[in-house]
N, C-alpha and C. Protein backbone atom coordinates (compact mmCIF):
# COMPACT_ATOMS: atom_id res chain seq x y z
N MET A 1 0.76 -0.94 0.15
CA MET A 1 -0.01 -0.23 -0.24
C MET A 1 0.88 1.18 0.13
N ALA A 2 0.59 2.09 -0.80
CA ALA A 2 1.38 3.53 -1.10
C ALA A 2 1.13 4.35 -0.05
N SER A 3 1.94 5.08 0.57
CA SER A 3 1.58 6.11 1.53
C SER A 3 1.90 7.43 1.23
N THR A 4 1.08 8.49 1.73
CA THR A 4 1.10 9.90 1.26
C THR A 4 2.93 10.49 0.87
N ARG A 5 3.65 9.77 1.44
CA ARG A 5 5.04 10.28 1.33
C ARG A 5 5.51 9.67 -0.07
N ASP A 6 4.88 8.64 -0.70
CA ASP A 6 5.11 8.05 -1.77
C ASP A 6 4.27 8.73 -2.78
N ASN A 7 3.17 9.11 -2.52
CA ASN A 7 2.17 9.98 -3.46
C ASN A 7 1.68 11.13 -2.62
N PRO A 8 2.31 12.35 -2.64
CA PRO A 8 1.67 13.64 -1.91
C PRO A 8 0.29 13.97 -2.16
N SER A 9 -0.46 14.38 -1.29
CA SER A 9 -1.79 15.18 -1.70
C SER A 9 -1.33 16.32 -2.21
N GLU A 10 -2.45 16.75 -2.89
CA GLU A 10 -2.25 18.17 -3.72
C GLU A 10 -2.47 19.32 -2.56
N GLY A 11 -3.22 18.97 -1.25
CA GLY A 11 -3.07 19.88 -0.19
C GLY A 11 -1.74 20.45 0.00
N TYR A 12 -0.82 19.78 0.10
CA TYR A 12 0.40 20.41 0.22
C TYR A 12 0.86 21.24 -0.52
N ARG A 13 0.22 21.98 -1.50
CA ARG A 13 0.57 22.83 -2.29
C ARG A 13 -0.09 24.30 -2.07
N ALA A 14 -1.21 23.87 -1.30
CA ALA A 14 -2.00 24.98 -0.78
C ALA A 14 -0.80 25.65 0.73
N ASP A 15 -0.78 24.60 1.43
CA ASP A 15 -0.11 24.72 2.41
C ASP A 15 1.12 25.69 2.42
N LEU A 16 2.18 25.04 1.40
CA LEU A 16 3.30 25.77 0.91
C LEU A 16 3.32 27.19 0.47
N ASP A 17 2.24 27.20 -0.34
CA ASP A 17 1.88 28.48 -0.97
C ASP A 17 1.51 29.58 0.40
N GLY A 18 0.65 29.20 1.25
CA GLY A 18 0.33 29.88 2.03
C GLY A 18 1.56 30.31 3.23
N LEU A 19 2.35 29.53 3.24
CA LEU A 19 3.81 29.57 3.77
C LEU A 19 4.57 30.72 3.30
N LEU A 20 4.45 30.74 1.88
CA LEU A 20 5.69 31.63 1.11
C LEU A 20 4.67 32.93 1.30
N ASP A 21 3.14 33.03 0.98
CA ASP A 21 2.49 34.39 1.42
C ASP A 21 2.67 34.91 2.79
N VAL A 22 3.03 34.13 4.09
CA VAL A 22 3.06 34.83 5.09
C VAL A 22 5.02 35.22 5.27
N VAL A 23 5.95 34.41 5.06
CA VAL A 23 7.26 34.50 4.93
C VAL A 23 7.73 35.28 4.20
N LEU A 24 7.62 35.44 2.61
CA LEU A 24 8.01 36.37 1.98
C LEU A 24 8.17 37.89 2.07
N PRO A 25 6.69 38.54 2.47
CA PRO A 25 6.61 39.94 2.68
C PRO A 25 7.31 40.08 4.19
N LEU A 26 7.26 39.25 5.04
CA LEU A 26 8.14 39.54 6.14
C LEU A 26 9.74 39.59 6.04
N ALA A 27 10.07 38.98 5.18
CA ALA A 27 11.54 38.83 4.74
C ALA A 27 11.95 40.04 4.11
N GLU A 28 11.05 40.63 3.13
CA GLU A 28 11.27 41.93 2.30
C GLU A 28 11.25 43.29 3.29
N GLN A 29 10.13 43.15 4.28
CA GLN A 29 10.18 44.15 5.17
C GLN A 29 11.11 44.38 6.01
N GLN A 30 11.84 43.36 6.45
CA GLN A 30 13.16 43.21 7.33
C GLN A 30 14.33 43.66 6.34
N LEU A 31 14.53 43.32 5.23
CA LEU A 31 15.39 43.69 4.17
C LEU A 31 15.25 45.12 4.06
N THR A 32 14.01 45.69 3.68
CA THR A 32 13.91 47.11 3.66
C THR A 32 14.07 48.10 4.87
N LEU A 33 13.83 47.62 6.14
CA LEU A 33 13.98 48.26 7.38
C LEU A 33 15.56 47.89 7.72
N ARG A 34 15.99 47.05 7.86
CA ARG A 34 17.61 46.55 8.58
C ARG A 34 18.64 46.24 7.45
N GLY A 35 18.26 45.99 6.27
CA GLY A 35 19.19 45.70 5.17
C GLY A 35 19.61 44.33 5.32
N GLU A 36 19.10 43.45 6.33
CA GLU A 36 19.54 42.29 6.60
C GLU A 36 18.33 41.63 7.45
N PHE A 37 18.54 40.12 7.59
CA PHE A 37 17.44 39.50 8.59
C PHE A 37 17.99 38.18 8.97
N TYR A 38 17.75 38.17 10.48
CA TYR A 38 18.36 36.50 10.82
C TYR A 38 17.38 35.50 10.48
N PRO A 39 17.63 34.03 10.53
CA PRO A 39 16.75 33.25 10.05
C PRO A 39 15.53 33.10 10.83
N PHE A 40 14.17 32.85 10.18
CA PHE A 40 12.99 32.78 10.91
C PHE A 40 12.29 31.46 10.14
N GLY A 41 11.35 30.88 10.87
CA GLY A 41 10.59 30.08 10.52
C GLY A 41 9.20 30.40 10.55
N ALA A 42 8.45 29.20 10.06
CA ALA A 42 6.53 29.36 9.97
C ALA A 42 6.34 28.25 10.02
N ALA A 43 5.22 28.20 10.46
CA ALA A 43 4.61 26.54 10.40
C ALA A 43 3.28 26.61 9.99
N VAL A 44 2.73 25.29 9.43
CA VAL A 44 1.04 25.10 9.16
C VAL A 44 0.84 23.86 10.30
N SER A 45 -0.06 24.36 11.31
CA SER A 45 -0.41 23.39 12.23
C SER A 45 -1.35 22.54 11.72
N ALA A 46 -1.45 21.36 12.48
CA ALA A 46 -2.33 20.21 11.92
C ALA A 46 -3.85 20.65 11.55
N ASP A 47 -4.54 21.85 12.31
CA ASP A 47 -5.39 22.52 12.13
C ASP A 47 -5.40 23.47 11.22
N GLY A 48 -4.26 23.95 10.72
CA GLY A 48 -4.28 24.60 9.34
C GLY A 48 -3.92 25.97 9.65
N GLU A 49 -3.65 26.47 10.83
CA GLU A 49 -3.32 27.78 11.52
C GLU A 49 -1.91 27.96 11.19
N THR A 50 -1.49 29.07 10.66
CA THR A 50 -0.03 29.49 10.00
C THR A 50 0.40 30.52 11.14
N SER A 51 1.69 30.05 11.52
CA SER A 51 2.46 30.75 12.82
C SER A 51 4.11 30.98 12.33
N LEU A 52 4.21 31.88 12.68
CA LEU A 52 5.79 32.53 12.60
C LEU A 52 6.40 31.26 13.80
N THR A 53 7.73 30.90 13.47
CA THR A 53 8.38 29.94 15.03
C THR A 53 9.80 30.77 15.03
N ALA A 54 10.02 30.64 16.29
CA ALA A 54 11.83 30.90 16.76
C ALA A 54 11.86 29.93 17.37
N THR A 55 13.28 29.97 17.69
CA THR A 55 13.78 29.50 18.96
C THR A 55 13.63 29.68 20.11
N GLU A 56 13.63 28.74 20.98
CA GLU A 56 13.37 28.98 22.41
C GLU A 56 14.35 29.35 23.25
N ASP A 57 15.67 29.62 22.70
CA ASP A 57 16.81 29.65 23.79
C ASP A 57 17.67 30.95 23.51
N ASP A 58 18.19 31.75 24.11
CA ASP A 58 19.02 33.25 23.78
C ASP A 58 20.04 32.67 22.53
N LEU A 59 20.07 33.46 21.81
CA LEU A 59 20.94 33.26 20.75
C LEU A 59 22.08 34.32 20.81
N GLY A 60 22.20 35.13 21.66
CA GLY A 60 23.27 36.25 21.67
C GLY A 60 22.87 37.26 20.51
N ASP A 61 24.02 38.17 20.95
CA ASP A 61 23.82 39.47 19.92
C ASP A 61 24.37 39.00 18.47
N ARG A 62 25.21 38.21 17.74
CA ARG A 62 25.65 37.87 16.60
C ARG A 62 25.87 36.45 16.31
N GLU A 63 24.53 35.54 16.87
CA GLU A 63 24.57 34.34 16.37
C GLU A 63 24.82 34.03 14.85
N GLN A 64 25.35 33.23 14.65
CA GLN A 64 25.80 32.52 13.43
C GLN A 64 24.39 32.09 12.68
N SER A 65 24.07 32.47 11.45
CA SER A 65 22.92 32.19 10.87
C SER A 65 22.98 30.59 10.73
N GLN A 66 23.98 29.81 10.73
CA GLN A 66 23.55 28.48 10.63
C GLN A 66 23.07 27.94 12.12
N ALA A 67 23.56 28.54 12.75
CA ALA A 67 23.37 27.69 14.32
C ALA A 67 21.92 28.11 14.53
N VAL A 68 21.33 29.51 14.17
CA VAL A 68 19.93 29.95 14.08
C VAL A 68 19.21 28.73 13.38
N LEU A 69 19.59 28.69 12.22
CA LEU A 69 18.95 27.50 11.29
C LEU A 69 18.77 26.26 12.23
N ASP A 70 19.81 25.67 12.73
CA ASP A 70 19.82 24.34 13.37
C ASP A 70 18.96 24.26 14.36
N ARG A 71 18.95 25.56 15.21
CA ARG A 71 17.72 25.58 16.13
C ARG A 71 16.34 25.43 15.84
N LEU A 72 15.89 26.20 14.40
CA LEU A 72 14.86 26.28 14.13
C LEU A 72 14.59 24.81 13.44
N TYR A 73 15.35 24.12 12.74
CA TYR A 73 14.95 22.49 12.47
C TYR A 73 14.84 21.86 13.89
N ASP A 74 15.58 21.93 14.48
CA ASP A 74 15.19 21.27 16.29
C ASP A 74 13.79 21.47 16.23
N VAL A 75 13.28 22.69 16.55
CA VAL A 75 12.37 22.93 16.86
C VAL A 75 10.86 22.41 16.29
N ALA A 76 11.19 22.81 15.18
CA ALA A 76 9.96 22.01 13.97
C ALA A 76 10.39 20.59 14.30
N ARG A 77 11.44 19.90 14.21
CA ARG A 77 11.35 18.49 14.55
C ARG A 77 10.54 17.98 15.87
N ALA A 78 10.66 18.91 16.69
CA ALA A 78 9.97 18.46 18.28
C ALA A 78 8.63 18.87 18.05
N ARG A 79 8.13 19.33 17.33
CA ARG A 79 6.60 19.87 16.87
C ARG A 79 6.39 19.09 15.70
N ALA A 80 6.98 18.33 15.18
CA ALA A 80 6.59 17.70 13.83
C ALA A 80 5.11 17.16 13.97
N HIS A 81 4.67 16.30 15.21
CA HIS A 81 3.29 15.78 15.30
C HIS A 81 2.34 16.65 15.24
N ASP A 82 2.21 18.00 15.67
CA ASP A 82 1.36 18.94 15.51
C ASP A 82 1.48 19.78 14.66
N GLN A 83 2.33 19.72 13.36
CA GLN A 83 2.35 20.14 12.40
C GLN A 83 2.16 19.45 10.96
N ARG A 84 1.90 20.52 9.93
CA ARG A 84 1.92 19.80 8.69
C ARG A 84 2.57 20.25 7.63
N ALA A 85 3.38 21.63 7.73
CA ALA A 85 3.97 22.01 6.90
C ALA A 85 4.85 22.95 7.75
N VAL A 86 6.09 23.30 7.29
CA VAL A 86 7.24 24.18 7.86
C VAL A 86 8.05 25.06 6.60
N ALA A 87 8.55 26.18 7.19
CA ALA A 87 9.34 26.84 6.28
C ALA A 87 10.41 27.43 7.09
N PHE A 88 11.49 27.41 6.48
CA PHE A 88 12.63 28.21 7.25
C PHE A 88 13.34 28.83 6.12
N VAL A 89 13.33 30.09 6.76
CA VAL A 89 14.10 31.48 5.70
C VAL A 89 15.03 32.08 6.29
N ALA A 90 16.05 32.41 5.36
CA ALA A 90 17.34 32.98 5.61
C ALA A 90 17.99 33.90 4.54
N ASP A 91 18.53 34.51 5.02
CA ASP A 91 19.07 35.91 3.80
C ASP A 91 20.46 35.18 3.65
N VAL A 92 20.86 34.83 2.34
CA VAL A 92 21.77 33.96 2.01
C VAL A 92 22.89 34.43 0.46
N LEU A 93 23.86 34.42 0.29
CA LEU A 93 24.63 34.66 -0.89
C LEU A 93 24.61 33.40 -1.85
N ALA A 94 23.64 33.32 -2.90
CA ALA A 94 23.49 32.23 -3.69
C ALA A 94 24.05 32.60 -5.12
N ARG A 95 24.69 31.89 -5.97
CA ARG A 95 25.00 31.96 -7.21
C ARG A 95 25.38 33.59 -7.39
N GLY A 96 26.13 34.27 -6.55
CA GLY A 96 26.70 35.30 -6.69
C GLY A 96 25.69 36.68 -6.39
N SER A 97 24.78 36.28 -5.98
CA SER A 97 23.70 37.38 -5.59
C SER A 97 23.16 37.22 -4.21
N TYR A 98 22.79 38.51 -3.56
CA TYR A 98 22.13 38.11 -2.45
C TYR A 98 20.51 37.58 -2.61
N ALA A 99 20.01 36.87 -1.88
CA ALA A 99 18.76 35.92 -2.07
C ALA A 99 18.05 35.84 -0.73
N VAL A 100 16.54 35.76 -0.55
CA VAL A 100 15.80 35.13 0.60
C VAL A 100 15.92 33.95 -0.03
N ARG A 101 16.41 32.77 0.65
CA ARG A 101 15.90 31.22 0.65
C ARG A 101 14.97 30.86 1.78
N VAL A 102 14.04 30.40 0.78
CA VAL A 102 12.78 29.72 1.91
C VAL A 102 13.24 27.97 1.55
N GLU A 103 13.10 27.15 2.46
CA GLU A 103 13.21 25.73 2.51
C GLU A 103 11.92 25.67 3.10
N LEU A 104 11.18 24.71 2.06
CA LEU A 104 9.90 24.27 2.70
C LEU A 104 9.63 22.97 2.53
N GLU A 105 8.75 22.38 3.78
CA GLU A 105 8.57 21.35 3.69
C GLU A 105 7.25 20.55 4.04
N HIS A 106 6.55 19.28 3.52
CA HIS A 106 5.39 19.48 4.00
C HIS A 106 5.37 17.75 4.48
N GLU A 107 4.42 17.57 5.55
CA GLU A 107 4.47 16.14 6.14
C GLU A 107 4.00 15.16 5.35
N ASP A 108 3.60 15.29 4.27
CA ASP A 108 3.46 14.13 2.93
C ASP A 108 4.60 14.05 2.15
N GLY A 109 5.65 14.74 2.62
CA GLY A 109 7.29 14.16 2.07
C GLY A 109 7.62 14.99 1.05
N VAL A 110 6.85 16.39 0.62
CA VAL A 110 7.55 17.25 -0.56
C VAL A 110 8.76 18.15 0.29
N ALA A 111 9.80 18.04 -0.25
CA ALA A 111 10.83 19.30 0.08
C ALA A 111 11.17 20.16 -0.90
N LEU A 112 10.83 21.48 -0.89
CA LEU A 112 11.59 22.50 -1.86
C LEU A 112 12.45 23.89 -1.37
N VAL A 113 13.09 24.09 -2.12
CA VAL A 113 14.01 25.25 -1.95
C VAL A 113 13.35 26.44 -2.71
N VAL A 114 12.98 27.44 -2.63
CA VAL A 114 12.78 28.79 -3.26
C VAL A 114 13.87 29.96 -2.96
N LEU A 115 14.34 30.26 -3.97
CA LEU A 115 15.46 31.27 -3.85
C LEU A 115 14.62 32.49 -4.73
N LEU A 116 14.76 33.89 -3.86
CA LEU A 116 14.44 34.76 -4.59
C LEU A 116 15.42 35.92 -4.49
N PRO A 117 16.42 35.90 -5.51
CA PRO A 117 17.23 37.10 -5.50
C PRO A 117 16.72 38.42 -5.24
N TYR A 118 17.62 39.46 -4.81
CA TYR A 118 17.32 40.50 -4.31
C TYR A 118 18.36 41.86 -4.50
N THR A 119 18.13 42.99 -4.95
CA THR A 119 19.09 43.95 -4.85
C THR A 119 18.84 45.03 -3.98
N ARG A 120 19.44 45.88 -3.45
CA ARG A 120 19.10 47.00 -2.36
C ARG A 120 20.11 48.37 -2.92
N THR A 121 19.38 49.36 -2.97
CA THR A 121 19.95 50.80 -3.06
C THR A 121 21.06 50.79 -1.93
N TRP A 122 21.83 51.79 -2.51
CA TRP A 122 22.96 52.06 -1.63
C TRP A 122 22.81 52.56 -0.28
N PHE A 123 21.80 53.19 0.02
CA PHE A 123 21.29 53.37 1.32
C PHE A 123 20.15 52.21 1.91
N LYS A 124 20.27 51.14 1.28
CA LYS A 124 19.68 49.93 1.69
C LYS A 124 18.02 50.51 1.86
N LYS A 125 17.56 51.44 1.33
CA LYS A 125 15.91 51.78 1.55
C LYS A 125 14.93 51.32 0.68
N LYS A 126 15.43 50.89 -0.44
CA LYS A 126 14.67 49.93 -1.75
C LYS A 126 15.26 48.72 -1.72
N VAL A 127 14.35 47.65 -1.81
CA VAL A 127 14.52 46.32 -2.43
C VAL A 127 14.03 46.12 -3.37
N THR A 128 14.67 45.45 -4.34
CA THR A 128 14.05 44.84 -5.54
C THR A 128 14.17 43.72 -5.76
N LEU A 129 13.47 42.48 -5.83
CA LEU A 129 13.19 41.42 -5.81
C LEU A 129 13.24 40.92 -7.31
N GLY A 130 14.06 39.75 -7.37
CA GLY A 130 14.27 39.17 -8.65
C GLY A 130 13.20 38.24 -9.19
N ARG A 131 13.93 37.38 -10.18
CA ARG A 131 12.81 36.32 -10.43
C ARG A 131 13.10 34.70 -9.35
N MET A 132 11.89 34.66 -8.89
CA MET A 132 12.07 33.35 -8.04
C MET A 132 12.38 31.94 -8.80
N THR A 133 13.12 31.44 -8.11
CA THR A 133 13.28 29.73 -8.69
C THR A 133 13.00 28.78 -7.51
N VAL A 134 12.75 27.73 -8.16
CA VAL A 134 12.39 26.49 -7.17
C VAL A 134 12.96 25.18 -7.56
N THR A 135 13.63 24.56 -6.41
CA THR A 135 14.18 23.42 -6.86
C THR A 135 13.77 22.34 -5.61
N PRO A 136 14.10 21.34 -5.98
CA PRO A 136 13.82 19.92 -4.85
C PRO A 136 14.45 20.53 -3.55
N GLY A 137 14.09 19.94 -2.43
CA GLY A 137 15.06 20.27 -1.16
C GLY A 137 15.21 19.38 -0.56
N GLN A 138 15.81 19.37 0.63
CA GLN A 138 16.21 18.42 1.53
C GLN A 138 15.38 18.51 2.54
N ALA A 139 14.64 17.11 2.77
CA ALA A 139 13.89 16.87 3.88
C ALA A 139 14.67 16.84 5.31
N ARG A 140 14.21 18.10 6.25
CA ARG A 140 14.72 18.08 7.59
C ARG A 140 13.87 17.68 8.72
N VAL A 141 12.66 17.48 8.51
CA VAL A 141 11.50 17.05 9.50
C VAL A 141 10.78 15.93 9.31
N TRP A 142 10.44 15.53 8.27
CA TRP A 142 9.90 14.23 8.34
C TRP A 142 10.56 13.26 7.22
N GLY A 143 12.05 13.49 7.48
CA GLY A 143 12.60 12.23 6.33
C GLY A 143 12.98 12.70 5.12
N GLU A 144 13.06 11.48 4.28
CA GLU A 144 13.51 11.75 2.91
C GLU A 144 12.24 12.44 2.03
N ALA A 145 12.82 13.13 1.00
CA ALA A 145 11.50 13.78 0.39
C ALA A 145 11.26 12.83 -0.91
N PRO A 146 10.26 12.60 -1.40
CA PRO A 146 9.88 11.74 -2.71
C PRO A 146 10.24 12.80 -4.04
N GLN A 147 10.09 12.50 -4.96
CA GLN A 147 10.34 13.36 -6.12
C GLN A 147 8.73 14.11 -6.46
N ILE A 148 8.66 15.27 -6.66
CA ILE A 148 7.70 15.66 -7.00
C ILE A 148 6.70 15.57 -8.14
N PRO A 149 5.39 15.05 -7.90
CA PRO A 149 4.46 14.85 -9.18
C PRO A 149 4.64 15.82 -10.10
C-alpha cells in the first residue's frame, strides 16, 4: 500500500503557498528596514493555522545564521506531530547574488527550496526582488523527500 510520502496529496501546495505568502513579505520588510535579517521559520499546524516560529533559547547578539537555522530545524522536528508544513527562511548569498532562501517541507514528503534574489539601493532603503526559482529540497523534519509529481 502506498503512503502519502510516496504520493503526496494536492493539499501540500496550498500549505506551502500559504507559508510563502507569510514569510516572503516579512523577509522583504526586514530587508527594507534593516538591510538583512536573521533566519526565522513558519509552520502550518495540523489545524491549518499558520504561525511564525522562533528558537526557544537566547542566541546572543551575533549568532551565526547556521546555528539559528539548526535550532529552528530542531524546534520543527520537536513539533512535527502537531504540524503539517514548515518553512525556514534565511538571507543568503547564492549564485553570486543576495537572495531570500525559503526551505519548505510538508508532512506528505515534499521538500522544496525557493530562492528569491534581491538587490538593495546604496542606502538600503529600497529592495528590488528578482525572479524566483524553485528546486527540490532536503527533508529536515519528516525524513526523505520523494520526487514531486
